Amino acid sequence: MEHLIELCELETGRGANQIGTLQRPCDTRWSSHYASVCSLIKRYGPTFLVLKRIATTSGSGSSPSARAKVAGSVRFMMSFDFIFILHVMKELMGITYILCRKLQQKSQDIVNAMDDVSTTNKLIQRLRDDGWSKLITDVMSFCQKHGITAPNMTEYYVDFIRSRAEDERTAEHHYRYDIFTVVVDQQAHELNCRFSEQATELLILCNALDPRDSFSSLKIDDVCSLASKYYSDDFSEQEINNLRCQLQHYELDVPTNPRFQNLSSVSDLCHQLAKTGKSVDYNLIDRSSNIFTLLLVPFILTVVITDYLSCRLIRLVLTLPVSTAMTERAFSAIKLVKTRLRNKMEDGFLRDCLLIYIEKEIAVGFSTDEIIDEFNTDTRRVPFD
């Protein structure tokens, strides 16, 4: 490490706490995998030397089986296949890095997220069409720098396990079409399946109900298209016509109403419509009913309203998951809540503990006296003192 710093091949940060080791990827933070791959490429030399020393040094601190595993890792790190796949991962993860970070956010900007999906698709296609030359040049340069044997791309590729006598593929054909192109196509297919044209259009139309920036994205035609195209079972033809009339009043009333300023999400709009009684005037946007509890994705929110069921159309929009970030973090919280000493807790107790831990920003506002008063009811056998 010190030698690389002296040669200016490894940059140092500023301050007392600087990262000098490999970065560990996080299971629920996919953007962290890109940093881990870049860290391994940057520190490949020191990492290889450390593993080689562990594999060749015998002592009381390591077992023969552990040294054998490390020796296998060292041999794999010195293979051309490992270096090639490492650089392919770096290129692909670099393209999807911004989108991964955007989808990990709690509050989603749907339009910008869909723009990122579009640009990510275009960059993946560009990598497939024009990225091979730069990729193989970087791989060959890396192999030459670290003394790794690289195959001659014009010679026939020999796979001792799956090869056949009549197989006359060159090494370039194998690495370009059997690995590089397949991986890129698989990434593009996964992205298209997750964000199909229909799903993308649905999310963009839902953005018409976003109250941010003084309802700047409100478009009557988009809201009507959302109801008629994707929620035809929930709205009759007459209700679609009535919805357009209500939206014309809604467009002139709500965005200029002082009580609806500085709203940050559709859920805030849902609250405010019920609080101000506007749900009666705009019953197709906000239909009347009884008390309800709403589970909001991607974050959990319990809403109780006594007179009106907020969200006829807004409720349908709120239940659309844009990302699974909060769900993934909830599973990560299980490891902190359900410890070795709590491994026999029942589902109900675990669910209650997770709810308090995940919604800690809300739970911190509850005082001990309020909790005691809530549980100190007349039906208790033994009252609290």
Protein backbone atom coordinates (compact mmCIF):
# COMPACT_ATOMS: atom_id res chain seq x y z
CA MET A 1 0.00 0.00 0.00
CA GLU A 2 2.79 2.43 0.92
CA HIS A 3 4.61 1.58 -2.32
CA LEU A 4 1.50 2.31 -4.39
CA ILE A 5 1.01 5.62 -2.60
CA GLU A 6 4.64 6.57 -3.28
CA LEU A 7 4.12 5.80 -7.00
CA CYS A 8 0.91 7.92 -6.96
CA GLU A 9 -1.04 4.88 -8.11
CA LEU A 10 -3.24 4.90 -5.01
CA GLU A 11 -4.90 8.07 -3.82
CA THR A 12 -5.29 8.93 -0.16
CA GLY A 13 -8.16 10.80 1.36
CA ARG A 14 -8.16 13.63 3.83
CA GLY A 15 -8.52 13.67 7.57
CA ALA A 16 -7.85 11.05 10.19
CA ASN A 17 -10.33 8.37 9.08
CA GLN A 18 -9.38 7.11 5.63
CA ILE A 19 -10.50 3.88 3.99
CA GLY A 20 -7.42 1.76 3.33
CA THR A 21 -9.01 -1.67 3.02
CA LEU A 22 -11.42 -3.38 0.66
CA GLN A 23 -14.95 -2.10 0.95
CA ARG A 24 -17.52 -4.69 1.99
CA PRO A 25 -20.73 -4.80 -0.08
CA CYS A 26 -24.05 -4.45 1.71
CA ASP A 27 -26.83 -6.92 0.87
CA THR A 28 -29.52 -4.23 0.84
CA ARG A 29 -27.44 -1.48 -0.80
CA TRP A 30 -26.78 -2.61 -4.35
CA SER A 31 -24.89 0.58 -5.14
CA SER A 32 -22.24 -0.51 -2.61
CA HIS A 33 -21.26 -3.44 -4.87
CA TYR A 34 -19.85 -0.99 -7.42
CA ALA A 35 -17.61 0.56 -4.76
CA SER A 36 -16.45 -2.93 -3.72
CA VAL A 37 -15.50 -3.90 -7.28
CA CYS A 38 -13.66 -0.62 -7.84
CA SER A 39 -11.88 -1.06 -4.52
CA LEU A 40 -10.70 -4.57 -5.48
CA ILE A 41 -9.42 -3.37 -8.86
CA LYS A 42 -7.58 -0.47 -7.26
CA ARG A 43 -6.07 -2.63 -4.49
CA TYR A 44 -5.61 -5.82 -6.48
CA GLY A 45 -1.84 -5.99 -5.89
CA PRO A 46 -1.88 -5.61 -2.08
CA THR A 47 -4.89 -7.93 -1.81
CA PHE A 48 -3.12 -10.62 -3.83
CA LEU A 49 0.04 -10.35 -1.72
CA VAL A 50 -1.89 -10.62 1.55
CA LEU A 51 -3.80 -13.69 0.38
CA LYS A 52 -0.63 -15.28 -0.97
CA ARG A 53 1.13 -14.74 2.37
CA ILE A 54 -1.81 -16.32 4.23
CA ALA A 55 -1.78 -19.32 1.87
CA THR A 56 1.95 -19.95 2.23
CA THR A 57 2.46 -19.17 5.92
CA SER A 58 1.81 -21.99 8.35
CA GLY A 59 1.27 -21.41 12.01
CA SER A 60 -1.06 -21.82 14.94
CA GLY A 61 -3.32 -19.04 13.69
CA SER A 62 -4.48 -20.83 10.53
CA SER A 63 -5.63 -24.35 9.71
CA PRO A 64 -4.62 -26.36 6.62
CA SER A 65 -8.18 -26.22 5.28
CA ALA A 66 -8.27 -22.42 5.59
CA ARG A 67 -4.92 -22.10 3.81
CA ALA A 68 -6.18 -24.40 1.06
CA LYS A 69 -9.23 -22.19 0.51
CA VAL A 70 -7.06 -19.09 0.35
CA ALA A 71 -4.68 -20.83 -2.07
CA GLY A 72 -7.64 -21.60 -4.33
CA SER A 73 -8.66 -17.93 -4.21
CA VAL A 74 -5.12 -16.87 -5.12
CA ARG A 75 -5.06 -19.17 -8.14
CA PHE A 76 -8.46 -17.90 -9.26
CA MET A 77 -7.37 -14.27 -8.86
CA MET A 78 -4.43 -14.94 -11.18
CA SER A 79 -6.71 -16.25 -13.96
CA PHE A 80 -7.71 -14.18 -16.97
CA ASP A 81 -11.36 -15.14 -16.49
CA PHE A 82 -11.43 -13.51 -13.06
CA ILE A 83 -9.92 -10.26 -14.34
CA PHE A 84 -12.23 -10.17 -17.35
CA ILE A 85 -15.41 -10.74 -15.31
CA LEU A 86 -14.24 -8.20 -12.72
CA HIS A 87 -13.96 -5.50 -15.40
CA VAL A 88 -17.30 -6.47 -16.95
CA MET A 89 -18.93 -6.05 -13.53
CA LYS A 90 -17.24 -2.68 -13.11
CA GLU A 91 -18.61 -1.42 -16.44
CA LEU A 92 -22.16 -2.65 -15.82
CA MET A 93 -22.35 -1.54 -12.20
CA GLY A 94 -20.97 1.86 -13.15
CA ILE A 95 -23.87 2.30 -15.58
CA THR A 96 -26.54 1.20 -13.08
CA TYR A 97 -24.95 3.01 -10.09
CA ILE A 98 -27.07 6.19 -10.30
CA LEU A 99 -30.29 4.23 -10.78
CA CYS A 100 -29.50 1.96 -7.82
CA ARG A 101 -28.92 4.95 -5.56
CA LYS A 102 -32.11 6.61 -6.77
CA LEU A 103 -34.24 3.54 -6.06
CA GLN A 104 -32.77 3.18 -2.58
CA GLN A 105 -34.21 6.53 -1.50
CA LYS A 106 -37.29 6.65 0.70
CA SER A 107 -38.98 9.49 -1.15
CA GLN A 108 -39.17 8.75 -4.86
CA ASP A 109 -39.12 11.34 -7.64
CA ILE A 110 -40.94 9.17 -10.15
CA VAL A 111 -40.26 11.25 -13.27
CA ASN A 112 -36.52 11.53 -12.60
CA ALA A 113 -36.38 7.84 -11.68
CA MET A 114 -37.97 6.92 -15.01
CA ASP A 115 -35.51 9.23 -16.80
CA ASP A 116 -32.69 7.33 -15.09
CA VAL A 117 -34.21 4.04 -16.25
CA SER A 118 -34.28 5.33 -19.83
CA THR A 119 -30.68 6.60 -19.77
CA THR A 120 -29.50 3.37 -18.10
CA ASN A 121 -31.10 1.31 -20.88
CA LYS A 122 -29.43 3.45 -23.53
CA LEU A 123 -26.01 3.21 -21.87
CA ILE A 124 -26.32 -0.59 -21.56
CA GLN A 125 -27.14 -0.80 -25.27
CA ARG A 126 -24.18 1.48 -26.06
CA LEU A 127 -21.92 -0.75 -23.98
CA ARG A 128 -23.13 -3.78 -25.92
CA ASP A 129 -22.56 -2.16 -29.32
CA ASP A 130 -19.40 -0.11 -28.77
CA GLY A 131 -17.92 -1.10 -25.41
CA TRP A 132 -15.98 -4.22 -26.33
CA SER A 133 -12.82 -2.55 -27.66
CA LYS A 134 -12.30 -0.38 -24.58
CA LEU A 135 -13.12 -3.25 -22.23
CA ILE A 136 -10.65 -5.72 -23.73
CA THR A 137 -7.97 -3.01 -23.89
CA ASP A 138 -8.40 -2.28 -20.16
CA VAL A 139 -8.34 -5.99 -19.32
CA MET A 140 -5.17 -6.64 -21.32
CA SER A 141 -3.46 -3.62 -19.77
CA PHE A 142 -4.41 -4.77 -16.28
CA CYS A 143 -3.12 -8.29 -16.95
CA GLN A 144 0.17 -6.98 -18.31
CA LYS A 145 0.61 -4.72 -15.28
CA HIS A 146 0.08 -7.54 -12.76
CA GLY A 147 1.81 -10.34 -14.67
CA ILE A 148 -1.32 -12.34 -15.49
CA THR A 149 -1.22 -14.60 -18.53
CA ALA A 150 -3.71 -13.48 -21.16
CA PRO A 151 -4.87 -15.73 -24.03
CA ASN A 152 -4.29 -14.91 -27.67
CA MET A 153 -7.67 -13.70 -28.86
CA THR A 154 -7.14 -14.97 -32.42
CA GLU A 155 -6.45 -18.57 -31.38
CA TYR A 156 -9.10 -21.22 -30.82
CA TYR A 157 -10.63 -21.30 -27.37
CA VAL A 158 -10.34 -24.64 -25.58
CA ASP A 159 -12.70 -25.55 -22.78
CA PHE A 160 -11.41 -28.80 -21.31
CA ILE A 161 -14.75 -29.55 -19.65
CA ARG A 162 -17.34 -28.63 -22.27
CA SER A 163 -15.28 -28.41 -25.45
CA ARG A 164 -16.02 -30.57 -28.48
CA ALA A 165 -13.74 -31.54 -31.30
CA GLU A 166 -15.76 -29.64 -33.91
CA ASP A 167 -15.91 -26.48 -31.80
CA GLU A 168 -13.75 -23.87 -33.59
CA ARG A 169 -14.57 -20.73 -31.63
CA THR A 170 -11.80 -18.24 -31.08
CA ALA A 171 -10.98 -16.85 -27.66
CA GLU A 172 -12.33 -13.46 -28.72
CA HIS A 173 -15.64 -15.04 -29.76
CA HIS A 174 -15.91 -16.83 -26.41
CA TYR A 175 -15.22 -13.81 -24.22
CA ARG A 176 -17.15 -11.34 -26.36
CA TYR A 177 -20.28 -13.29 -27.26
CA ASP A 178 -20.48 -16.11 -24.72
CA ILE A 179 -19.71 -13.94 -21.68
CA PHE A 180 -19.76 -10.19 -22.36
CA THR A 181 -22.81 -10.04 -24.65
CA VAL A 182 -24.76 -12.59 -22.60
CA VAL A 183 -24.19 -10.68 -19.35
CA VAL A 184 -25.10 -7.32 -20.89
CA ASP A 185 -28.25 -8.76 -22.49
CA GLN A 186 -29.25 -10.35 -19.21
CA GLN A 187 -28.88 -7.02 -17.41
CA ALA A 188 -30.94 -5.23 -20.07
CA HIS A 189 -33.62 -7.94 -19.93
CA GLU A 190 -33.83 -7.69 -16.15
CA LEU A 191 -34.19 -3.92 -16.34
CA ASN A 192 -36.88 -4.14 -19.02
CA CYS A 193 -38.82 -6.73 -17.02
CA ARG A 194 -38.70 -4.61 -13.89
CA PHE A 195 -39.56 -1.38 -15.71
CA SER A 196 -41.64 -2.36 -18.72
CA GLU A 197 -43.21 0.27 -20.97
CA GLN A 198 -46.57 -0.26 -19.31
CA ALA A 199 -45.14 0.05 -15.78
CA THR A 200 -43.14 3.13 -16.76
CA GLU A 201 -46.20 4.82 -18.24
CA LEU A 202 -48.22 3.98 -15.13
CA LEU A 203 -45.63 5.54 -12.81
CA ILE A 204 -45.32 8.67 -14.94
CA LEU A 205 -49.12 9.11 -15.00
CA CYS A 206 -49.19 8.67 -11.22
CA ASN A 207 -46.80 11.59 -10.93
CA ALA A 208 -49.65 13.88 -12.06
CA LEU A 209 -51.02 13.67 -8.49
CA ASP A 210 -47.73 14.74 -6.87
CA PRO A 211 -48.33 17.92 -4.79
CA ARG A 212 -44.70 19.05 -4.70
CA ASP A 213 -43.68 22.41 -6.18
CA SER A 214 -47.22 23.77 -5.83
CA PHE A 215 -48.77 20.95 -7.90
CA SER A 216 -46.61 21.80 -10.91
CA SER A 217 -46.99 18.27 -12.36
CA LEU A 218 -50.81 18.25 -12.16
CA LYS A 219 -52.29 17.40 -15.57
CA ILE A 220 -55.98 16.62 -15.91
CA ASP A 221 -55.53 14.48 -19.03
CA ASP A 222 -52.89 12.34 -17.31
CA VAL A 223 -55.09 11.75 -14.25
CA CYS A 224 -58.06 10.78 -16.44
CA SER A 225 -55.84 8.49 -18.51
CA LEU A 226 -54.58 6.89 -15.30
CA ALA A 227 -58.12 6.15 -14.12
CA SER A 228 -59.52 4.99 -17.47
CA LYS A 229 -56.54 2.95 -18.70
CA TYR A 230 -55.24 1.27 -15.56
CA TYR A 231 -58.18 1.39 -13.14
CA SER A 232 -61.14 0.77 -15.44
CA ASP A 233 -62.58 -1.76 -12.96
CA ASP A 234 -62.64 0.89 -10.22
CA PHE A 235 -64.20 3.72 -12.26
CA SER A 236 -67.28 3.50 -14.47
CA GLU A 237 -67.57 5.52 -17.68
CA GLN A 238 -69.83 8.07 -15.97
CA GLU A 239 -67.41 8.39 -13.08
CA ILE A 240 -64.56 9.10 -15.53
CA ASN A 241 -66.60 11.99 -16.93
CA ASN A 242 -67.38 13.22 -13.42
CA LEU A 243 -63.70 12.88 -12.52
CA ARG A 244 -62.71 15.29 -15.28
CA CYS A 245 -65.24 17.84 -14.02
CA GLN A 246 -64.00 17.48 -10.46
CA LEU A 247 -60.40 17.84 -11.59
CA GLN A 248 -61.21 21.17 -13.27
CA HIS A 249 -62.46 22.51 -9.92
CA TYR A 250 -59.57 20.79 -8.14
CA GLU A 251 -57.02 22.48 -10.42
CA LEU A 252 -58.35 25.95 -9.58
CA ASP A 253 -58.95 25.27 -5.89
CA VAL A 254 -56.33 23.08 -4.26
CA PRO A 255 -53.02 24.37 -5.75
CA THR A 256 -53.83 27.96 -4.70
CA ASN A 257 -55.29 27.05 -1.31
CA PRO A 258 -52.91 28.07 1.54
CA ARG A 259 -53.79 24.91 3.46
CA PHE A 260 -52.32 22.77 0.70
CA GLN A 261 -48.97 24.50 0.37
CA ASN A 262 -45.60 22.87 1.14
CA LEU A 263 -46.90 19.30 0.78
CA SER A 264 -44.10 16.85 0.06
CA SER A 265 -45.86 13.62 -0.92
CA VAL A 266 -49.13 12.12 -2.11
CA SER A 267 -49.72 10.74 1.38
CA ASP A 268 -49.56 14.30 2.78
CA LEU A 269 -52.13 15.32 0.19
CA CYS A 270 -54.30 12.41 1.28
CA HIS A 271 -54.15 13.59 4.92
CA GLN A 272 -54.90 17.19 4.06
CA LEU A 273 -57.88 16.40 1.85
CA ALA A 274 -59.49 14.50 4.72
CA LYS A 275 -58.52 17.10 7.33
CA THR A 276 -59.98 20.04 5.40
CA GLY A 277 -63.12 18.20 4.27
CA LYS A 278 -62.20 18.53 0.59
CA SER A 279 -62.73 14.80 0.24
CA VAL A 280 -66.47 15.53 0.12
CA ASP A 281 -66.13 17.90 -2.85
CA TYR A 282 -63.68 15.67 -4.72
CA ASN A 283 -65.13 12.30 -3.81
CA LEU A 284 -63.76 10.56 -6.91
CA ILE A 285 -60.27 11.71 -6.02
CA ASP A 286 -61.02 11.20 -2.38
CA ARG A 287 -64.08 9.00 -1.60
CA SER A 288 -66.11 9.07 1.65
CA SER A 289 -66.33 6.08 3.97
CA ASN A 290 -65.41 4.94 7.48
CA ILE A 291 -62.26 4.43 9.53
CA PHE A 292 -59.47 2.68 7.65
CA THR A 293 -55.89 1.61 8.02
CA LEU A 294 -53.61 2.06 5.03
CA LEU A 295 -50.40 0.19 4.44
CA LEU A 296 -48.22 2.43 2.33
CA VAL A 297 -45.42 1.04 0.14
CA PRO A 298 -42.45 1.55 0.07
CA PHE A 299 -42.65 2.87 3.64
CA ILE A 300 -45.08 1.76 6.34
CA LEU A 301 -47.58 4.32 7.49
CA THR A 302 -50.71 3.78 9.57
CA VAL A 303 -53.43 6.33 8.88
CA VAL A 304 -56.68 6.57 10.82
CA ILE A 305 -59.48 8.91 9.63
CA THR A 306 -62.90 8.96 11.26
CA ASP A 307 -65.29 10.31 8.62
CA TYR A 308 -63.85 9.80 5.16
CA LEU A 309 -61.86 7.10 3.38
CA SER A 310 -59.12 9.10 1.74
CA CYS A 311 -57.88 7.98 -1.61
CA ARG A 312 -60.20 6.51 -4.16
CA LEU A 313 -57.65 7.26 -6.85
CA ILE A 314 -54.88 8.43 -4.50
CA ARG A 315 -55.12 5.19 -2.49
CA LEU A 316 -54.53 3.16 -5.63
CA VAL A 317 -51.48 5.30 -6.43
CA LEU A 318 -50.06 5.08 -2.92
CA THR A 319 -49.99 1.28 -2.96
CA LEU A 320 -47.74 1.16 -6.03
CA PRO A 321 -44.22 0.06 -5.00
CA VAL A 322 -41.50 2.00 -6.85
CA SER A 323 -38.65 0.36 -4.99
CA THR A 324 -38.14 -2.32 -2.35
CA ALA A 325 -35.56 -0.33 -0.39
CA MET A 326 -37.61 -0.01 2.80
CA THR A 327 -38.62 -3.68 2.67
CA GLU A 328 -34.98 -4.72 2.34
CA ARG A 329 -34.01 -2.50 5.28
CA ALA A 330 -36.79 -4.06 7.34
CA PHE A 331 -35.26 -7.49 6.78
CA SER A 332 -31.87 -6.08 7.75
CA ALA A 333 -33.42 -4.78 10.96
CA ILE A 334 -34.46 -8.34 11.87
CA LYS A 335 -30.80 -9.22 12.46
CA LEU A 336 -30.58 -6.39 15.01
CA VAL A 337 -33.89 -7.11 16.73
CA LYS A 338 -34.00 -10.91 16.66
CA THR A 339 -30.69 -11.67 18.32
CA ARG A 340 -29.37 -14.94 19.71
CA LEU A 341 -31.12 -14.28 23.01
CA ARG A 342 -34.41 -13.47 21.28
CA ASN A 343 -34.46 -16.26 18.71
CA LYS A 344 -37.64 -17.81 20.13
CA MET A 345 -39.85 -14.73 20.06
CA GLU A 346 -43.24 -15.14 18.41
CA ASP A 347 -44.28 -13.39 15.22
CA GLY A 348 -46.53 -10.88 16.95
CA PHE A 349 -43.83 -9.69 19.35
CA LEU A 350 -41.26 -9.61 16.55
CA ARG A 351 -43.61 -7.57 14.36
CA ASP A 352 -44.22 -5.05 17.16
CA CYS A 353 -40.49 -4.70 17.87
CA LEU A 354 -39.71 -4.21 14.18
CA LEU A 355 -42.43 -1.59 13.80
CA ILE A 356 -41.00 0.47 16.65
CA TYR A 357 -37.44 0.06 15.37
CA ILE A 358 -38.24 0.91 11.73
CA GLU A 359 -40.51 3.84 12.59
CA LYS A 360 -38.18 5.12 15.30
CA GLU A 361 -38.72 8.71 14.13
CA ILE A 362 -42.39 8.40 15.12
CA ALA A 363 -41.82 6.25 18.19
CA VAL A 364 -39.38 8.75 19.72
CA GLY A 365 -42.28 11.19 20.13
CA PHE A 366 -44.10 8.86 22.54
CA SER A 367 -43.44 9.54 26.21
CA THR A 368 -43.46 6.91 28.95
CA ASP A 369 -46.41 8.54 30.66
CA GLU A 370 -48.47 8.42 27.46
CA ILE A 371 -47.74 4.71 27.06
CA ILE A 372 -48.69 4.01 30.69
CA ASP A 373 -51.94 5.97 30.32
CA GLU A 374 -52.76 4.07 27.13
CA PHE A 375 -52.40 0.67 28.82
CA ASN A 376 -53.84 1.70 32.18
CA THR A 377 -57.48 0.95 31.35
CA ASP A 378 -60.36 -0.11 33.58
CA THR A 379 -60.30 -3.64 32.15
CA ARG A 380 -56.87 -4.41 33.62
CA ARG A 381 -56.86 -6.70 36.63
CA VAL A 382 -53.93 -4.89 38.23
CA PRO A 383 -53.80 -1.13 37.58
CA PHE A 384 -50.50 0.67 37.11
CA ASP A 385 -49.31 2.58 40.18
